Amino acid sequence: MNQFIVIGKVAEAPKVKETSTGIKYTQLMIDANRSYKNKEGAYDVDRFCITLWKSLAEECCNNVDPGDALLIKGRVQSNNFEKDGEVYYKSEMIGEKVSLLSQLF
């Protein structure tokens, strides 16, 4: 099963973009605390770039702001491409469901 769940805060205001074929998308930047504290007693933060497509992208761009707490569920998509005779691999997080969490943090 290919699935992820991320709970975190919106780091940057999302913006709707379009592919060359007119499909709308956004790349949502989410800051998520790790589940343990570091040596200084603070939680380290991981930043995730999660791609949202079509109406979900538009809805998030219209309704979420930096600092909002979200739960995002989705899948990891693996792509590869060839450039100058060498094969490159890339993994991308694709959000499929987004829930706004009120006053989580």
C-alpha atoms as a PDB file:
ATOM      1  CA  MET A   1       0.000   0.000   0.000  1.00  0.00           C
ATOM      2  CA  ASN A   2       1.418   3.381  -1.023  1.00  0.00           C
ATOM      3  CA  GLN A   3       0.141   5.976   1.425  1.00  0.00           C
ATOM      4  CA  PHE A   4       1.338   8.824   3.648  1.00  0.00           C
ATOM      5  CA  ILE A   5      -0.220  11.063   6.291  1.00  0.00           C
ATOM      6  CA  VAL A   6       1.348  14.379   7.285  1.00  0.00           C
ATOM      7  CA  ILE A   7       0.091  16.695  10.018  1.00  0.00           C
ATOM      8  CA  GLY A   8       1.699  20.116  10.048  1.00  0.00           C
ATOM      9  CA  LYS A   9       1.420  23.830   9.438  1.00  0.00           C
ATOM     10  CA  VAL A  10       1.287  25.631   6.101  1.00  0.00           C
ATOM     11  CA  ALA A  11       4.710  27.262   5.667  1.00  0.00           C
ATOM     12  CA  GLU A  12       3.989  29.473   2.628  1.00  0.00           C
ATOM     13  CA  ALA A  13       0.862  30.775   0.938  1.00  0.00           C
ATOM     14  CA  PRO A  14      -0.010  28.311  -1.854  1.00  0.00           C
ATOM     15  CA  LYS A  15      -0.431  29.600  -5.411  1.00  0.00           C
ATOM     16  CA  VAL A  16      -2.404  28.000  -8.241  1.00  0.00           C
ATOM     17  CA  LYS A  17      -0.276  27.119 -11.260  1.00  0.00           C
ATOM     18  CA  GLU A  18      -1.164  25.472 -14.570  1.00  0.00           C
ATOM     19  CA  THR A  19       0.538  22.822 -16.642  1.00  0.00           C
ATOM     20  CA  SER A  20       1.092  23.439 -20.358  1.00  0.00           C
ATOM     21  CA  THR A  21      -2.177  21.564 -20.971  1.00  0.00           C
ATOM     22  CA  GLY A  22      -4.162  23.772 -18.568  1.00  0.00           C
ATOM     23  CA  ILE A  23      -4.417  21.430 -15.570  1.00  0.00           C
ATOM     24  CA  LYS A  24      -4.314  23.365 -12.292  1.00  0.00           C
ATOM     25  CA  TYR A  25      -1.994  22.386  -9.447  1.00  0.00           C
ATOM     26  CA  THR A  26      -0.166  23.784  -6.437  1.00  0.00           C
ATOM     27  CA  GLN A  27       2.809  22.760  -4.362  1.00  0.00           C
ATOM     28  CA  LEU A  28       1.911  23.060  -0.698  1.00  0.00           C
ATOM     29  CA  MET A  29       4.811  23.549   1.741  1.00  0.00           C
ATOM     30  CA  ILE A  30       4.081  21.921   5.110  1.00  0.00           C
ATOM     31  CA  ASP A  31       6.208  22.127   8.271  1.00  0.00           C
ATOM     32  CA  ALA A  32       5.784  19.047  10.489  1.00  0.00           C
ATOM     33  CA  ASN A  33       7.332  18.572  13.920  1.00  0.00           C
ATOM     34  CA  ARG A  34       9.244  15.378  14.562  1.00  0.00           C
ATOM     35  CA  SER A  35       7.908  13.173  17.354  1.00  0.00           C
ATOM     36  CA  TYR A  36      10.920  13.633  19.635  1.00  0.00           C
ATOM     37  CA  LYS A  37      12.963  16.517  21.018  1.00  0.00           C
ATOM     38  CA  ASN A  38      16.579  17.242  20.055  1.00  0.00           C
ATOM     39  CA  LYS A  39      19.497  17.840  22.459  1.00  0.00           C
ATOM     40  CA  GLU A  40      18.336  21.424  23.038  1.00  0.00           C
ATOM     41  CA  GLY A  41      14.871  20.232  24.099  1.00  0.00           C
ATOM     42  CA  ALA A  42      13.075  21.504  20.984  1.00  0.00           C
ATOM     43  CA  TYR A  43      11.281  19.622  18.229  1.00  0.00           C
ATOM     44  CA  ASP A  44      13.060  19.552  14.882  1.00  0.00           C
ATOM     45  CA  VAL A  45      10.862  20.441  11.921  1.00  0.00           C
ATOM     46  CA  ASP A  46      10.733  18.727   8.537  1.00  0.00           C
ATOM     47  CA  ARG A  47       9.424  20.662   5.511  1.00  0.00           C
ATOM     48  CA  PHE A  48       7.468  18.691   2.931  1.00  0.00           C
ATOM     49  CA  CYS A  49       6.495  19.809  -0.564  1.00  0.00           C
ATOM     50  CA  ILE A  50       3.156  18.184  -1.404  1.00  0.00           C
ATOM     51  CA  THR A  51       1.589  18.518  -4.847  1.00  0.00           C
ATOM     52  CA  LEU A  52      -2.183  18.959  -5.103  1.00  0.00           C
ATOM     53  CA  TRP A  53      -4.089  18.760  -8.401  1.00  0.00           C
ATOM     54  CA  LYS A  54      -7.216  20.239  -9.997  1.00  0.00           C
ATOM     55  CA  SER A  55     -10.068  21.313  -7.674  1.00  0.00           C
ATOM     56  CA  LEU A  56      -8.181  20.293  -4.530  1.00  0.00           C
ATOM     57  CA  ALA A  57      -5.368  22.676  -5.491  1.00  0.00           C
ATOM     58  CA  GLU A  58      -7.798  25.526  -6.129  1.00  0.00           C
ATOM     59  CA  GLU A  59      -9.707  24.891  -2.909  1.00  0.00           C
ATOM     60  CA  CYS A  60      -6.538  24.913  -0.807  1.00  0.00           C
ATOM     61  CA  CYS A  61      -5.225  28.073  -2.457  1.00  0.00           C
ATOM     62  CA  ASN A  62      -8.518  29.827  -1.702  1.00  0.00           C
ATOM     63  CA  ASN A  63      -8.973  28.559   1.855  1.00  0.00           C
ATOM     64  CA  VAL A  64      -5.642  27.991   3.621  1.00  0.00           C
ATOM     65  CA  ASP A  65      -3.160  30.517   4.937  1.00  0.00           C
ATOM     66  CA  PRO A  66       0.377  30.282   6.332  1.00  0.00           C
ATOM     67  CA  GLY A  67       0.206  28.913   9.863  1.00  0.00           C
ATOM     68  CA  ASP A  68      -2.973  26.867   9.318  1.00  0.00           C
ATOM     69  CA  ALA A  69      -2.762  23.306  10.659  1.00  0.00           C
ATOM     70  CA  LEU A  70      -3.560  20.624   8.070  1.00  0.00           C
ATOM     71  CA  LEU A  71      -3.799  16.864   7.875  1.00  0.00           C
ATOM     72  CA  ILE A  72      -2.856  15.651   4.395  1.00  0.00           C
ATOM     73  CA  LYS A  73      -3.292  12.108   3.158  1.00  0.00           C
ATOM     74  CA  GLY A  74      -1.879  10.952  -0.136  1.00  0.00           C
ATOM     75  CA  ARG A  75       0.558   8.758  -2.038  1.00  0.00           C
ATOM     76  CA  VAL A  76       4.198   8.871  -3.091  1.00  0.00           C
ATOM     77  CA  GLN A  77       4.696   8.875  -6.844  1.00  0.00           C
ATOM     78  CA  SER A  78       7.978   7.676  -8.303  1.00  0.00           C
ATOM     79  CA  ASN A  79       9.220   9.006 -11.637  1.00  0.00           C
ATOM     80  CA  ASN A  80      12.395   8.530 -13.624  1.00  0.00           C
ATOM     81  CA  PHE A  81      13.819  10.349 -16.597  1.00  0.00           C
ATOM     82  CA  GLU A  82      16.920  10.252 -18.737  1.00  0.00           C
ATOM     83  CA  LYS A  83      19.193  13.239 -19.271  1.00  0.00           C
ATOM     84  CA  ASP A  84      22.536  13.174 -21.051  1.00  0.00           C
ATOM     85  CA  GLY A  85      22.473   9.374 -21.088  1.00  0.00           C
ATOM     86  CA  GLU A  86      22.011   9.071 -17.321  1.00  0.00           C
ATOM     87  CA  VAL A  87      18.805   7.912 -15.571  1.00  0.00           C
ATOM     88  CA  TYR A  88      17.520  10.039 -12.694  1.00  0.00           C
ATOM     89  CA  TYR A  89      14.874   9.035 -10.136  1.00  0.00           C
ATOM     90  CA  LYS A  90      12.489  11.362  -8.344  1.00  0.00           C
ATOM     91  CA  SER A  91       9.823  10.745  -5.705  1.00  0.00           C
ATOM     92  CA  GLU A  92       6.956  13.189  -5.276  1.00  0.00           C
ATOM     93  CA  MET A  93       4.286  13.431  -2.572  1.00  0.00           C
ATOM     94  CA  ILE A  94       0.803  13.740  -4.114  1.00  0.00           C
ATOM     95  CA  GLY A  95      -1.926  14.932  -1.745  1.00  0.00           C
ATOM     96  CA  GLU A  96      -5.313  13.304  -2.253  1.00  0.00           C
ATOM     97  CA  LYS A  97      -7.246  14.542   0.805  1.00  0.00           C
ATOM     98  CA  VAL A  98      -6.705  17.678   2.895  1.00  0.00           C
ATOM     99  CA  SER A  99      -8.375  18.446   6.219  1.00  0.00           C
ATOM    100  CA  LEU A 100      -8.112  21.775   8.014  1.00  0.00           C
ATOM    101  CA  LEU A 101      -7.399  21.218  11.709  1.00  0.00           C
ATOM    102  CA  SER A 102      -8.507  23.991  14.021  1.00  0.00           C
ATOM    103  CA  GLN A 103      -6.303  24.906  16.962  1.00  0.00           C
ATOM    104  CA  LEU A 104      -4.244  21.700  16.810  1.00  0.00           C
ATOM    105  CA  PHE A 105      -0.968  23.327  17.759  1.00  0.00           C
END
